[in-house]
Amino acid sequence: MKVIALCLIALVAVNAGSLTQKYPFNYSKSRSIMNVMMEVENKLKNKSPLDAILAVLQDYRDAVNQE
């Protein structure tokens, strides 16, 4: 029973490894939520218009939806 379980785990691990090589993750375009929040905080401190803050948040939302 233990041998079968180990074989199944090994099979799943090999399959997952081959899938990540075929479809690698691409984090180069993704924006960090911390960077977005710091940008919003700076805009609030500089008393930027609300439209500028909303544009930053919408850009982040669009980037997340695109991924």
Protein backbone atom coordinates (compact mmCIF):
# COMPACT_ATOMS: atom_id res chain seq x y z
CA MET A 1 0.00 0.00 0.00
CA LYS A 2 2.84 2.38 0.88
CA VAL A 3 4.60 1.56 -2.38
CA ILE A 4 1.51 2.43 -4.42
CA ALA A 5 1.09 5.72 -2.56
CA LEU A 6 4.75 6.64 -3.13
CA CYS A 7 4.46 5.77 -6.82
CA LEU A 8 1.39 7.97 -7.18
CA ILE A 9 3.11 10.87 -5.42
CA ALA A 10 6.15 10.48 -7.66
CA LEU A 11 3.94 10.38 -10.75
CA VAL A 12 2.10 13.56 -9.73
CA ALA A 13 5.39 15.34 -8.95
CA VAL A 14 6.88 14.45 -12.35
CA ASN A 15 3.70 15.52 -14.13
CA ALA A 16 3.58 18.86 -12.27
CA GLY A 17 7.22 19.49 -13.09
CA SER A 18 6.67 18.92 -16.79
CA LEU A 19 3.64 21.23 -16.83
CA THR A 20 5.56 24.10 -15.23
CA GLN A 21 8.28 23.70 -17.85
CA LYS A 22 5.70 23.76 -20.65
CA TYR A 23 3.69 26.65 -19.18
CA PRO A 24 6.10 28.77 -17.08
CA PHE A 25 4.79 31.46 -14.78
CA ASN A 26 5.36 35.02 -15.97
CA TYR A 27 5.48 37.55 -13.15
CA SER A 28 7.30 40.27 -15.08
CA LYS A 29 4.14 42.25 -15.88
CA SER A 30 2.36 41.77 -12.58
CA ARG A 31 2.08 44.71 -10.23
CA SER A 32 2.51 44.33 -6.52
CA ILE A 33 -0.41 45.36 -4.31
CA MET A 34 2.12 47.03 -2.00
CA ASN A 35 3.39 49.22 -4.85
CA VAL A 36 -0.15 50.18 -5.79
CA MET A 37 -1.06 51.07 -2.21
CA MET A 38 2.12 53.14 -1.82
CA GLU A 39 1.26 54.99 -5.01
CA VAL A 40 -2.27 55.66 -3.73
CA GLU A 41 -0.87 56.84 -0.39
CA ASN A 42 1.49 59.26 -2.16
CA LYS A 43 -1.36 60.62 -4.25
CA LEU A 44 -3.44 61.14 -1.11
CA LYS A 45 -0.57 62.94 0.63
CA ASN A 46 -0.07 65.18 -2.41
CA LYS A 47 -3.82 65.87 -2.51
CA SER A 48 -4.14 64.58 -6.06
CA PRO A 49 -7.60 64.53 -7.60
CA LEU A 50 -9.78 61.52 -6.91
CA ASP A 51 -9.79 60.64 -10.61
CA ALA A 52 -6.01 60.07 -10.52
CA ILE A 53 -6.34 57.69 -7.56
CA LEU A 54 -9.21 55.84 -9.21
CA ALA A 55 -7.15 55.51 -12.39
CA VAL A 56 -4.33 53.83 -10.45
CA LEU A 57 -6.76 51.38 -8.87
CA GLN A 58 -8.49 50.66 -12.18
CA ASP A 59 -5.14 50.03 -13.85
CA TYR A 60 -4.33 47.52 -11.13
CA ARG A 61 -7.73 45.85 -11.51
CA ASP A 62 -7.27 45.63 -15.28
CA ALA A 63 -3.81 44.11 -14.87
CA VAL A 64 -5.16 41.48 -12.47
CA ASN A 65 -8.07 40.66 -14.79
CA GLN A 66 -5.72 40.35 -17.75
CA GLU A 67 -3.62 37.76 -15.93
